[in-house]
C-alpha cells in the first residue's frame, strides 16, 4: 500500500539544511534540498512525485497553492492508481525590491512547494520565512533617548530666596539658588556658566 511506502520514506528521509541565512546565523533547507534527498527513496519504493501549482485568491490576497502528490507505480500496472497528497500555501508579495512579477511568483511557488513537501513527508521546520526572514529589520526602531534625561530645574524655575545654613548672620554668600546651601565662588562661577544659575554640586547633578 502507498501509505506503507510513505511511512518508510518519512522514517528514512534525511533532508539536510544546506542553505545558510547569513543575517540570522542559522541553516535551513530549501525545496530543492528536500527533492534531492527524497528521489533515491522514491526510486526504491517505486513511487512518482508530482508537484503542481495553482493561483488562488483568499481574502483579497493572491496565494500560490502547491500540491505534492505521490503516485504508486506498481498499483498503476495493476489497473488502478494509488495516490496521496499534501498542499502548501505562500502569499505573493505585491512587490519586492529587485524582483519582477515572475520572480515574485517563482519565489512564492518555491516556498509553497517546500511546505507541501514538509506536510507530505512529515518534515518539521521551526524557522519561519527562512532566507527572507527580516529578523526585525523592518520593525520600527525605538526612539532615541533624550540627551538630557534630567530636567534643568534651576534654569527653568525661579530661584528660591537664599537661606544661609550657617550661624554667621553677616555671611552673604554665594548661595545655591535652588536649595540655599553656601557654595564657593568657584562652584558658583562654574554653575552660572553651565546652567545659568548658582547651584551647589548636588543641585548640579539634578540639573544634568
N, C-alpha and C. Protein backbone atom coordinates (compact mmCIF):
# COMPACT_ATOMS: atom_id res chain seq x y z
N UNK A 1 0.83 -1.20 0.00
CA UNK A 1 0.00 0.00 0.00
C UNK A 1 0.87 1.25 0.00
N UNK A 2 0.35 2.29 -0.60
CA UNK A 2 1.12 3.52 -0.72
C UNK A 2 1.40 4.15 0.64
N UNK A 3 0.47 3.95 1.59
CA UNK A 3 0.69 4.52 2.92
C UNK A 3 1.86 3.83 3.62
N UNK A 4 2.04 2.53 3.38
CA UNK A 4 3.18 1.82 3.96
C UNK A 4 4.49 2.35 3.37
N UNK A 5 4.48 2.58 2.07
CA UNK A 5 5.68 3.13 1.42
C UNK A 5 5.99 4.54 1.93
N UNK A 6 4.95 5.34 2.11
CA UNK A 6 5.15 6.70 2.61
C UNK A 6 5.70 6.68 4.03
N UNK A 7 5.22 5.75 4.84
CA UNK A 7 5.74 5.61 6.20
C UNK A 7 7.23 5.32 6.18
N UNK A 8 7.66 4.45 5.28
CA UNK A 8 9.08 4.12 5.17
C UNK A 8 9.89 5.35 4.77
N UNK A 9 9.37 6.15 3.82
CA UNK A 9 10.09 7.35 3.37
C UNK A 9 10.16 8.39 4.49
N UNK A 10 9.05 8.57 5.18
CA UNK A 10 9.04 9.55 6.28
C UNK A 10 10.06 9.17 7.36
N UNK A 11 10.24 7.88 7.58
CA UNK A 11 11.18 7.42 8.60
C UNK A 11 12.62 7.51 8.12
N UNK A 12 12.85 7.23 6.85
CA UNK A 12 14.22 7.15 6.33
C UNK A 12 14.75 8.48 5.79
N UNK A 13 13.86 9.40 5.48
CA UNK A 13 14.28 10.63 4.81
C UNK A 13 15.15 11.50 5.71
N UNK A 14 16.30 11.88 5.18
CA UNK A 14 17.20 12.82 5.85
C UNK A 14 17.45 13.97 4.88
N UNK A 15 16.82 15.10 5.16
CA UNK A 15 16.98 16.28 4.30
C UNK A 15 17.82 17.31 5.03
N UNK A 16 19.11 17.38 4.74
CA UNK A 16 20.00 18.31 5.46
C UNK A 16 19.67 19.76 5.16
N UNK A 17 20.01 20.61 6.08
CA UNK A 17 19.82 22.05 5.89
C UNK A 17 21.08 22.61 5.24
N UNK A 18 21.07 22.64 3.92
CA UNK A 18 22.26 23.04 3.16
C UNK A 18 22.33 24.53 2.88
N UNK A 19 21.28 25.26 3.22
CA UNK A 19 21.26 26.70 2.96
C UNK A 19 21.57 27.45 4.26
N UNK A 20 22.16 28.63 4.11
CA UNK A 20 22.54 29.42 5.28
C UNK A 20 21.96 30.82 5.18
N UNK A 21 21.30 31.26 6.25
CA UNK A 21 20.85 32.64 6.37
C UNK A 21 21.96 33.39 7.08
N UNK A 22 22.73 34.18 6.33
CA UNK A 22 23.90 34.84 6.90
C UNK A 22 23.51 35.91 7.92
N UNK A 23 22.35 36.53 7.72
CA UNK A 23 21.94 37.57 8.66
C UNK A 23 21.46 36.96 9.97
N UNK A 24 20.61 35.92 9.86
CA UNK A 24 20.08 35.30 11.08
C UNK A 24 21.03 34.34 11.74
N UNK A 25 22.05 33.86 10.98
CA UNK A 25 23.03 32.97 11.56
C UNK A 25 22.53 31.56 11.79
N UNK A 26 21.66 31.05 10.90
CA UNK A 26 21.19 29.68 11.04
C UNK A 26 21.09 29.03 9.66
N UNK A 27 21.03 27.70 9.66
CA UNK A 27 20.90 26.93 8.43
C UNK A 27 19.44 26.51 8.23
N UNK A 28 19.06 26.31 6.98
CA UNK A 28 17.71 25.88 6.67
C UNK A 28 17.74 25.03 5.40
N UNK A 29 16.65 24.34 5.13
CA UNK A 29 16.56 23.52 3.92
C UNK A 29 15.59 24.17 2.92
N UNK A 30 15.89 24.02 1.66
CA UNK A 30 15.03 24.56 0.60
C UNK A 30 14.22 23.43 -0.02
N UNK A 31 13.33 23.79 -0.92
CA UNK A 31 12.55 22.80 -1.67
C UNK A 31 13.48 21.87 -2.43
N UNK A 32 14.51 22.43 -3.05
CA UNK A 32 15.46 21.64 -3.82
C UNK A 32 16.21 20.64 -2.94
N UNK A 33 16.54 21.03 -1.70
CA UNK A 33 17.22 20.12 -0.78
C UNK A 33 16.36 18.90 -0.48
N UNK A 34 15.06 19.13 -0.27
CA UNK A 34 14.14 18.02 0.03
C UNK A 34 14.03 17.08 -1.17
N UNK A 35 13.89 17.66 -2.36
CA UNK A 35 13.75 16.84 -3.57
C UNK A 35 15.00 15.99 -3.81
N UNK A 36 16.15 16.59 -3.60
CA UNK A 36 17.40 15.85 -3.81
C UNK A 36 17.52 14.67 -2.86
N UNK A 37 17.06 14.87 -1.61
CA UNK A 37 17.17 13.81 -0.61
C UNK A 37 16.13 12.71 -0.81
N UNK A 38 14.95 13.06 -1.33
CA UNK A 38 13.86 12.07 -1.39
C UNK A 38 13.87 11.24 -2.68
N UNK A 39 14.51 11.70 -3.72
CA UNK A 39 14.47 10.99 -5.01
C UNK A 39 14.98 9.55 -4.93
N UNK A 40 16.11 9.28 -4.26
CA UNK A 40 16.55 7.87 -4.17
C UNK A 40 15.55 6.98 -3.44
N UNK A 41 14.87 7.53 -2.44
CA UNK A 41 13.88 6.74 -1.70
C UNK A 41 12.65 6.47 -2.56
N UNK A 42 12.29 7.45 -3.39
CA UNK A 42 11.15 7.25 -4.28
C UNK A 42 11.43 6.14 -5.29
N UNK A 43 12.65 6.11 -5.77
CA UNK A 43 13.02 5.08 -6.75
C UNK A 43 12.92 3.68 -6.14
N UNK A 44 13.42 3.54 -4.92
CA UNK A 44 13.38 2.24 -4.26
C UNK A 44 11.95 1.79 -3.98
N UNK A 45 11.08 2.75 -3.65
CA UNK A 45 9.69 2.41 -3.31
C UNK A 45 8.78 2.36 -4.53
N UNK A 46 9.34 2.62 -5.72
CA UNK A 46 8.54 2.64 -6.96
C UNK A 46 7.39 3.65 -6.85
N UNK A 47 7.75 4.86 -6.42
CA UNK A 47 6.78 5.95 -6.31
C UNK A 47 7.22 7.09 -7.21
N UNK A 48 6.23 7.82 -7.71
CA UNK A 48 6.50 9.02 -8.51
C UNK A 48 5.93 10.23 -7.76
N UNK A 49 6.72 11.28 -7.72
CA UNK A 49 6.29 12.52 -7.04
C UNK A 49 5.99 13.59 -8.09
N UNK A 50 4.83 14.22 -7.95
CA UNK A 50 4.45 15.30 -8.86
C UNK A 50 4.12 16.55 -8.05
N UNK A 51 4.67 17.69 -8.49
CA UNK A 51 4.40 18.98 -7.86
C UNK A 51 3.62 19.85 -8.83
N UNK A 52 2.55 20.47 -8.36
CA UNK A 52 1.74 21.35 -9.21
C UNK A 52 1.36 22.60 -8.43
N UNK A 53 1.19 23.69 -9.17
CA UNK A 53 0.85 24.99 -8.56
C UNK A 53 -0.48 25.50 -9.08
N UNK A 54 -1.15 26.28 -8.23
CA UNK A 54 -2.42 26.91 -8.61
C UNK A 54 -2.47 28.26 -7.93
N UNK A 55 -2.87 29.28 -8.67
CA UNK A 55 -3.02 30.62 -8.09
C UNK A 55 -4.44 30.75 -7.55
N UNK A 56 -4.56 31.07 -6.26
CA UNK A 56 -5.87 31.21 -5.63
C UNK A 56 -5.95 32.55 -4.92
N UNK A 57 -7.17 33.02 -4.72
CA UNK A 57 -7.39 34.28 -4.00
C UNK A 57 -8.08 33.98 -2.68
N UNK A 58 -7.50 34.48 -1.62
CA UNK A 58 -8.06 34.28 -0.28
C UNK A 58 -8.11 35.63 0.43
N UNK A 59 -9.32 36.08 0.75
CA UNK A 59 -9.46 37.36 1.45
C UNK A 59 -8.90 38.54 0.68
N UNK A 60 -8.97 38.48 -0.64
CA UNK A 60 -8.49 39.58 -1.44
C UNK A 60 -6.99 39.55 -1.70
N UNK A 61 -6.29 38.55 -1.20
CA UNK A 61 -4.85 38.42 -1.42
C UNK A 61 -4.58 37.21 -2.30
N UNK A 62 -3.54 37.28 -3.11
CA UNK A 62 -3.20 36.22 -4.04
C UNK A 62 -2.20 35.27 -3.40
N UNK A 63 -2.52 33.97 -3.45
CA UNK A 63 -1.65 32.93 -2.90
C UNK A 63 -1.28 31.94 -3.99
N UNK A 64 -0.10 31.35 -3.84
CA UNK A 64 0.26 30.20 -4.65
C UNK A 64 -0.04 28.94 -3.83
N UNK A 65 -0.91 28.11 -4.35
CA UNK A 65 -1.26 26.84 -3.70
C UNK A 65 -0.50 25.73 -4.42
N UNK A 66 0.39 25.07 -3.70
CA UNK A 66 1.18 23.99 -4.27
C UNK A 66 0.71 22.65 -3.72
N UNK A 67 0.66 21.65 -4.58
CA UNK A 67 0.24 20.31 -4.20
C UNK A 67 1.34 19.32 -4.53
N UNK A 68 1.75 18.53 -3.55
CA UNK A 68 2.73 17.45 -3.75
C UNK A 68 1.97 16.13 -3.70
N UNK A 69 2.03 15.38 -4.80
CA UNK A 69 1.26 14.14 -4.91
C UNK A 69 2.19 12.96 -5.19
N UNK A 70 2.02 11.88 -4.43
CA UNK A 70 2.75 10.64 -4.67
C UNK A 70 1.87 9.68 -5.46
N UNK A 71 2.42 9.04 -6.49
CA UNK A 71 1.73 8.03 -7.28
C UNK A 71 2.47 6.71 -7.12
N UNK A 72 1.73 5.65 -6.87
CA UNK A 72 2.31 4.32 -6.73
C UNK A 72 2.40 3.67 -8.11
N UNK A 73 3.63 3.49 -8.61
CA UNK A 73 3.83 2.94 -9.95
C UNK A 73 3.35 1.49 -10.05
N UNK A 74 3.47 0.73 -8.98
CA UNK A 74 3.06 -0.68 -9.01
C UNK A 74 1.55 -0.79 -9.12
N UNK A 75 0.83 0.05 -8.39
CA UNK A 75 -0.63 0.00 -8.45
C UNK A 75 -1.14 0.35 -9.83
N UNK A 76 -0.41 1.21 -10.54
CA UNK A 76 -0.83 1.60 -11.89
C UNK A 76 -0.78 0.42 -12.84
N UNK A 77 0.19 -0.46 -12.65
CA UNK A 77 0.30 -1.65 -13.51
C UNK A 77 -0.79 -2.67 -13.21
N UNK A 78 -1.40 -2.52 -12.03
CA UNK A 78 -2.47 -3.44 -11.64
C UNK A 78 -3.85 -2.93 -12.01
N UNK A 79 -3.90 -1.82 -12.72
CA UNK A 79 -5.17 -1.33 -13.23
C UNK A 79 -5.80 -0.23 -12.39
N UNK A 80 -5.16 0.18 -11.29
CA UNK A 80 -5.67 1.31 -10.51
C UNK A 80 -4.48 2.13 -10.02
N UNK A 81 -4.74 3.34 -9.62
CA UNK A 81 -3.66 4.24 -9.20
C UNK A 81 -3.89 4.68 -7.75
N UNK A 82 -2.92 4.34 -6.89
CA UNK A 82 -2.96 4.82 -5.51
C UNK A 82 -2.19 6.12 -5.41
N UNK A 83 -2.81 7.11 -4.83
CA UNK A 83 -2.14 8.41 -4.67
C UNK A 83 -2.36 8.93 -3.25
N UNK A 84 -1.48 9.83 -2.87
CA UNK A 84 -1.63 10.54 -1.60
C UNK A 84 -0.97 11.90 -1.78
N UNK A 85 -1.56 12.94 -1.22
CA UNK A 85 -1.05 14.29 -1.49
C UNK A 85 -1.14 15.19 -0.27
N UNK A 86 -0.44 16.31 -0.37
CA UNK A 86 -0.47 17.36 0.66
C UNK A 86 -0.30 18.69 -0.04
N UNK A 87 -0.81 19.76 0.57
CA UNK A 87 -0.75 21.08 -0.05
C UNK A 87 -0.03 22.08 0.85
N UNK A 88 0.45 23.13 0.23
CA UNK A 88 1.08 24.23 0.96
C UNK A 88 0.76 25.54 0.28
N UNK A 89 0.73 26.63 1.04
CA UNK A 89 0.38 27.94 0.51
C UNK A 89 1.49 28.95 0.79
N UNK A 90 1.64 29.89 -0.12
CA UNK A 90 2.55 31.02 0.10
C UNK A 90 1.93 32.24 -0.56
N UNK A 91 1.90 33.35 0.18
CA UNK A 91 1.27 34.55 -0.36
C UNK A 91 2.25 35.34 -1.21
N UNK A 92 1.80 35.79 -2.35
CA UNK A 92 2.61 36.63 -3.20
C UNK A 92 2.68 38.05 -2.63
N UNK A 93 3.89 38.59 -2.53
CA UNK A 93 4.03 39.99 -2.14
C UNK A 93 3.59 40.87 -3.30
N UNK A 94 3.05 42.04 -2.96
CA UNK A 94 2.66 42.97 -4.01
C UNK A 94 3.87 43.42 -4.81
N UNK A 95 4.98 43.60 -4.11
CA UNK A 95 6.23 43.93 -4.77
C UNK A 95 7.38 43.57 -3.84
N UNK A 96 8.52 43.29 -4.42
CA UNK A 96 9.72 43.00 -3.64
C UNK A 96 10.90 43.63 -4.35
N UNK A 97 11.69 44.33 -3.61
CA UNK A 97 12.80 45.08 -4.20
C UNK A 97 13.73 44.14 -4.97
N UNK A 98 14.04 44.51 -6.21
CA UNK A 98 14.96 43.74 -7.02
C UNK A 98 14.34 42.57 -7.74
N UNK A 99 13.01 42.37 -7.65
CA UNK A 99 12.33 41.26 -8.32
C UNK A 99 11.23 41.78 -9.23
N UNK A 100 11.11 41.13 -10.40
CA UNK A 100 9.96 41.43 -11.25
C UNK A 100 8.82 40.50 -10.87
N UNK A 101 7.67 40.64 -11.55
CA UNK A 101 6.47 39.89 -11.18
C UNK A 101 6.68 38.38 -11.26
N UNK A 102 7.37 37.92 -12.31
CA UNK A 102 7.57 36.48 -12.47
C UNK A 102 8.48 35.92 -11.37
N UNK A 103 9.46 36.70 -10.96
CA UNK A 103 10.36 36.24 -9.89
C UNK A 103 9.62 36.17 -8.55
N UNK A 104 8.71 37.11 -8.32
CA UNK A 104 7.93 37.09 -7.08
C UNK A 104 7.07 35.84 -7.03
N UNK A 105 6.41 35.53 -8.16
CA UNK A 105 5.59 34.32 -8.22
C UNK A 105 6.44 33.07 -8.05
N UNK A 106 7.62 33.05 -8.70
CA UNK A 106 8.50 31.90 -8.58
C UNK A 106 8.98 31.68 -7.16
N UNK A 107 9.28 32.76 -6.44
CA UNK A 107 9.71 32.65 -5.05
C UNK A 107 8.59 32.10 -4.18
N UNK A 108 7.35 32.59 -4.40
CA UNK A 108 6.21 32.09 -3.63
C UNK A 108 5.94 30.62 -3.95
N UNK A 109 6.11 30.24 -5.22
CA UNK A 109 5.91 28.85 -5.61
C UNK A 109 6.90 27.93 -4.92
N UNK A 110 8.17 28.32 -4.90
CA UNK A 110 9.20 27.50 -4.26
C UNK A 110 8.91 27.32 -2.77
N UNK A 111 8.45 28.40 -2.14
CA UNK A 111 8.15 28.33 -0.72
C UNK A 111 6.92 27.46 -0.44
N UNK A 112 5.88 27.61 -1.28
CA UNK A 112 4.67 26.80 -1.11
C UNK A 112 4.96 25.33 -1.35
N UNK A 113 5.77 25.03 -2.35
CA UNK A 113 6.14 23.64 -2.63
C UNK A 113 6.92 23.03 -1.46
N UNK A 114 7.77 23.82 -0.89
CA UNK A 114 8.55 23.32 0.26
C UNK A 114 7.62 22.88 1.37
N UNK A 115 6.60 23.68 1.66
CA UNK A 115 5.70 23.33 2.76
C UNK A 115 4.72 22.22 2.39
N UNK A 116 4.44 22.06 1.12
CA UNK A 116 3.67 20.89 0.70
C UNK A 116 4.48 19.62 0.93
N UNK A 117 5.78 19.67 0.59
CA UNK A 117 6.67 18.53 0.82
C UNK A 117 6.86 18.28 2.31
N UNK A 118 6.95 19.35 3.07
CA UNK A 118 7.06 19.19 4.53
C UNK A 118 5.87 18.43 5.09
N UNK A 119 4.67 18.80 4.62
CA UNK A 119 3.47 18.12 5.10
C UNK A 119 3.39 16.67 4.65
N UNK A 120 3.81 16.42 3.41
CA UNK A 120 3.73 15.06 2.87
C UNK A 120 4.72 14.12 3.54
N UNK A 121 5.94 14.61 3.75
CA UNK A 121 7.00 13.75 4.29
C UNK A 121 7.25 13.97 5.78
N UNK A 122 6.36 14.73 6.41
CA UNK A 122 6.42 14.92 7.86
C UNK A 122 7.76 15.54 8.30
N UNK A 123 8.12 16.63 7.62
CA UNK A 123 9.35 17.36 7.94
C UNK A 123 8.97 18.59 8.76
N UNK A 124 9.64 18.77 9.85
CA UNK A 124 9.32 19.89 10.74
C UNK A 124 10.34 21.00 10.53
N UNK A 125 9.85 22.18 10.14
CA UNK A 125 10.71 23.36 10.04
C UNK A 125 10.28 24.35 11.10
N UNK A 126 11.21 24.64 12.02
CA UNK A 126 10.88 25.57 13.11
C UNK A 126 11.14 27.01 12.71
N UNK A 127 11.94 27.23 11.66
CA UNK A 127 12.23 28.58 11.22
C UNK A 127 11.19 29.02 10.20
N UNK A 128 10.61 30.18 10.42
CA UNK A 128 9.59 30.68 9.51
C UNK A 128 10.22 31.68 8.54
N UNK A 129 9.81 31.63 7.29
CA UNK A 129 10.25 32.55 6.24
C UNK A 129 11.71 32.39 5.88
N UNK A 130 12.45 31.51 6.50
CA UNK A 130 13.80 31.11 6.13
C UNK A 130 14.66 32.27 5.64
N UNK A 131 15.11 32.19 4.38
CA UNK A 131 16.07 33.18 3.88
C UNK A 131 15.48 34.57 3.80
N UNK A 132 14.15 34.68 3.73
CA UNK A 132 13.53 36.00 3.62
C UNK A 132 13.16 36.58 4.97
N UNK A 133 13.51 35.89 6.04
CA UNK A 133 13.20 36.36 7.38
C UNK A 133 13.94 37.67 7.65
N UNK A 134 13.22 38.71 8.00
CA UNK A 134 13.85 40.01 8.21
C UNK A 134 14.47 40.15 9.57
N UNK A 135 14.08 39.30 10.52
CA UNK A 135 14.63 39.34 11.88
C UNK A 135 14.53 40.73 12.49
N UNK A 136 13.39 41.37 12.23
CA UNK A 136 13.18 42.67 12.86
C UNK A 136 13.75 43.83 12.09
N UNK A 137 14.38 43.61 10.91
CA UNK A 137 14.98 44.72 10.18
C UNK A 137 13.95 45.73 9.74
N UNK A 138 12.71 45.27 9.48
CA UNK A 138 11.67 46.19 9.02
C UNK A 138 10.83 46.74 10.15
N UNK A 139 11.12 46.30 11.37
CA UNK A 139 10.36 46.79 12.51
C UNK A 139 10.82 48.19 12.88
N UNK A 140 9.92 49.05 13.36
CA UNK A 140 10.34 50.40 13.73
C UNK A 140 11.31 50.39 14.89
N UNK A 141 12.35 51.21 14.77
CA UNK A 141 13.34 51.28 15.84
C UNK A 141 12.82 52.17 16.97
N UNK A 142 13.21 51.86 18.20
CA UNK A 142 12.77 52.71 19.32
C UNK A 142 13.34 54.11 19.19
N UNK A 143 12.58 55.07 19.65
CA UNK A 143 13.03 56.46 19.59
C UNK A 143 14.26 56.64 20.44
N UNK A 144 15.24 57.43 19.97
CA UNK A 144 16.46 57.64 20.77
C UNK A 144 16.14 58.36 22.05
N UNK A 145 16.91 58.02 23.07
CA UNK A 145 16.70 58.64 24.37
C UNK A 145 17.12 60.09 24.33
N UNK A 146 16.46 60.88 25.13
CA UNK A 146 16.79 62.29 25.23
C UNK A 146 18.22 62.44 25.72
N UNK A 147 18.97 63.32 25.06
CA UNK A 147 20.35 63.55 25.51
C UNK A 147 20.41 64.16 26.90
N UNK A 148 19.32 64.75 27.33
CA UNK A 148 19.27 65.38 28.65
C UNK A 148 18.07 64.84 29.40
N UNK A 149 18.21 63.64 29.98
CA UNK A 149 17.06 62.99 30.61
C UNK A 149 16.60 63.65 31.89
N UNK A 150 17.43 64.50 32.48
CA UNK A 150 17.04 65.15 33.72
C UNK A 150 16.58 66.58 33.44
N UNK A 151 15.58 66.99 34.16
CA UNK A 151 15.02 68.33 33.98
C UNK A 151 15.98 69.38 34.52
N UNK A 152 16.16 70.45 33.78
CA UNK A 152 17.00 71.55 34.23
C UNK A 152 16.22 72.39 35.22
N UNK A 153 16.20 71.93 36.45
CA UNK A 153 15.33 72.53 37.46
C UNK A 153 15.68 73.99 37.71
N UNK A 154 16.94 74.26 38.03
CA UNK A 154 17.31 75.60 38.44
C UNK A 154 17.24 76.59 37.29
N UNK A 155 17.46 76.12 36.06
CA UNK A 155 17.47 77.03 34.93
C UNK A 155 16.06 77.38 34.48
N UNK A 156 15.06 76.52 34.79
CA UNK A 156 13.70 76.73 34.32
C UNK A 156 12.78 77.29 35.39
N UNK A 157 13.17 77.19 36.64
CA UNK A 157 12.33 77.66 37.72
C UNK A 157 12.96 78.88 38.38
N UNK A 158 12.12 79.70 38.92
CA UNK A 158 12.62 80.88 39.60
C UNK A 158 13.43 80.47 40.82
N UNK A 159 14.60 81.08 41.03
CA UNK A 159 15.44 80.69 42.17
C UNK A 159 14.77 81.00 43.50
N UNK A 160 15.03 80.15 44.47
CA UNK A 160 14.49 80.38 45.80
C UNK A 160 15.27 81.50 46.49
N UNK A 161 14.65 82.04 47.51
CA UNK A 161 15.35 83.04 48.30
C UNK A 161 16.51 82.37 49.02
N UNK A 162 17.71 82.94 48.95
CA UNK A 162 18.85 82.33 49.63
C UNK A 162 18.57 82.13 51.11
N UNK A 163 18.93 80.98 51.62
CA UNK A 163 18.78 80.66 53.03
C UNK A 163 20.11 80.19 53.57
N UNK A 164 20.72 80.94 54.42
CA UNK A 164 22.01 80.56 54.97
C UNK A 164 21.85 79.38 55.92
N UNK A 165 22.78 78.48 55.84
CA UNK A 165 22.80 77.33 56.72
C UNK A 165 23.86 77.47 57.80
N UNK A 166 24.36 78.67 57.93
CA UNK A 166 25.42 78.92 58.90
C UNK A 166 24.95 79.91 59.96
N UNK A 167 25.70 79.94 61.04
CA UNK A 167 25.29 80.77 62.17
C UNK A 167 25.67 82.23 61.99
N UNK A 168 26.63 82.51 61.11
CA UNK A 168 27.09 83.87 60.94
C UNK A 168 26.09 84.66 60.13
N UNK A 169 25.38 85.63 60.75
CA UNK A 169 24.35 86.39 60.01
C UNK A 169 24.93 87.32 58.98
N UNK A 170 26.25 87.59 59.08
CA UNK A 170 26.87 88.51 58.12
C UNK A 170 27.42 87.77 56.89
N UNK A 171 27.29 86.45 56.88
CA UNK A 171 27.75 85.66 55.73
C UNK A 171 26.76 85.84 54.59
N UNK A 172 27.17 86.59 53.54
CA UNK A 172 26.23 86.91 52.47
C UNK A 172 26.44 86.08 51.21
N UNK A 173 27.04 84.94 51.33
CA UNK A 173 27.09 84.02 50.17
C UNK A 173 28.46 83.94 49.55
N UNK A 174 28.53 83.32 48.33
CA UNK A 174 27.39 82.95 47.49
C UNK A 174 26.63 81.72 47.98
N UNK A 175 25.36 81.63 47.59
CA UNK A 175 24.49 80.53 47.98
C UNK A 175 23.94 79.84 46.74
N UNK A 176 23.53 78.60 46.92
CA UNK A 176 22.85 77.86 45.86
C UNK A 176 21.45 78.43 45.70
N UNK A 177 21.10 78.82 44.47
CA UNK A 177 19.79 79.41 44.22
C UNK A 177 18.67 78.39 44.30
N UNK A 178 19.01 77.08 44.37
CA UNK A 178 17.99 76.05 44.41
C UNK A 178 17.67 75.62 45.84
N UNK A 179 18.73 75.32 46.61
CA UNK A 179 18.49 74.80 47.96
C UNK A 179 18.98 75.74 49.06
N UNK A 180 19.74 76.78 48.69
CA UNK A 180 20.17 77.75 49.69
C UNK A 180 21.48 77.42 50.38
N UNK A 181 22.16 76.35 49.97
CA UNK A 181 23.43 76.00 50.59
C UNK A 181 24.51 77.02 50.25
N UNK A 182 25.45 77.19 51.17
CA UNK A 182 26.61 78.04 50.93
C UNK A 182 27.54 77.33 49.95
N UNK A 183 27.96 78.03 48.89
CA UNK A 183 28.86 77.44 47.89
C UNK A 183 30.05 78.35 47.70
N UNK A 184 31.09 77.80 47.12
CA UNK A 184 32.30 78.60 46.89
C UNK A 184 32.14 79.43 45.63
N UNK A 185 33.01 80.41 45.49
CA UNK A 185 32.97 81.25 44.30
C UNK A 185 33.24 80.43 43.04
N UNK A 186 34.13 79.46 43.17
CA UNK A 186 34.49 78.63 42.01
C UNK A 186 33.30 77.80 41.55
N UNK A 187 32.56 77.21 42.53
CA UNK A 187 31.38 76.41 42.20
C UNK A 187 30.31 77.29 41.59
N UNK A 188 30.14 78.48 42.14
CA UNK A 188 29.13 79.41 41.61
C UNK A 188 29.44 79.80 40.18
N UNK A 189 30.71 80.18 39.92
CA UNK A 189 31.08 80.62 38.58
C UNK A 189 30.88 79.50 37.55
N UNK A 190 31.23 78.27 37.96
CA UNK A 190 31.07 77.14 37.05
C UNK A 190 29.60 76.89 36.72
N UNK A 191 28.74 76.88 37.77
CA UNK A 191 27.33 76.56 37.56
C UNK A 191 26.60 77.66 36.80
N UNK A 192 26.98 78.91 37.02
CA UNK A 192 26.35 80.00 36.29
C UNK A 192 26.68 79.89 34.80
N UNK A 193 27.93 79.52 34.52
CA UNK A 193 28.36 79.38 33.12
C UNK A 193 27.67 78.20 32.45
N UNK A 194 27.51 77.08 33.19
CA UNK A 194 26.97 75.86 32.59
C UNK A 194 25.46 75.81 32.64
N UNK A 195 24.84 76.24 33.77
CA UNK A 195 23.40 76.08 33.94
C UNK A 195 22.63 77.40 33.98
N UNK A 196 23.35 78.51 34.04
CA UNK A 196 22.67 79.79 34.07
C UNK A 196 22.16 80.18 35.44
N UNK A 197 22.61 79.50 36.47
CA UNK A 197 22.19 79.79 37.84
C UNK A 197 23.25 79.28 38.80
N UNK A 198 23.32 79.89 39.98
CA UNK A 198 24.26 79.45 41.01
C UNK A 198 23.70 78.20 41.68
N UNK A 199 24.42 77.09 41.53
CA UNK A 199 23.95 75.82 42.07
C UNK A 199 25.06 75.13 42.83
N UNK A 200 24.68 74.43 43.90
CA UNK A 200 25.64 73.59 44.61
C UNK A 200 25.89 72.33 43.79
N UNK A 201 26.83 71.52 44.25
CA UNK A 201 27.17 70.31 43.49
C UNK A 201 25.99 69.34 43.39
N UNK A 202 25.24 69.20 44.48
CA UNK A 202 24.09 68.28 44.47
C UNK A 202 23.03 68.72 43.49
N UNK A 203 22.73 70.03 43.47
CA UNK A 203 21.70 70.53 42.56
C UNK A 203 22.18 70.51 41.10
N UNK A 204 23.50 70.59 40.91
CA UNK A 204 24.03 70.46 39.56
C UNK A 204 23.79 69.04 39.02
N UNK A 205 23.91 68.04 39.90
CA UNK A 205 23.66 66.67 39.49
C UNK A 205 22.21 66.49 39.05
N UNK A 206 21.29 67.12 39.81
CA UNK A 206 19.86 67.01 39.45
C UNK A 206 19.56 67.73 38.13
N UNK A 207 20.35 68.75 37.82
CA UNK A 207 20.08 69.55 36.64
C UNK A 207 20.68 68.96 35.36
N UNK A 208 21.51 67.95 35.51
CA UNK A 208 22.15 67.35 34.33
C UNK A 208 21.19 66.50 33.53
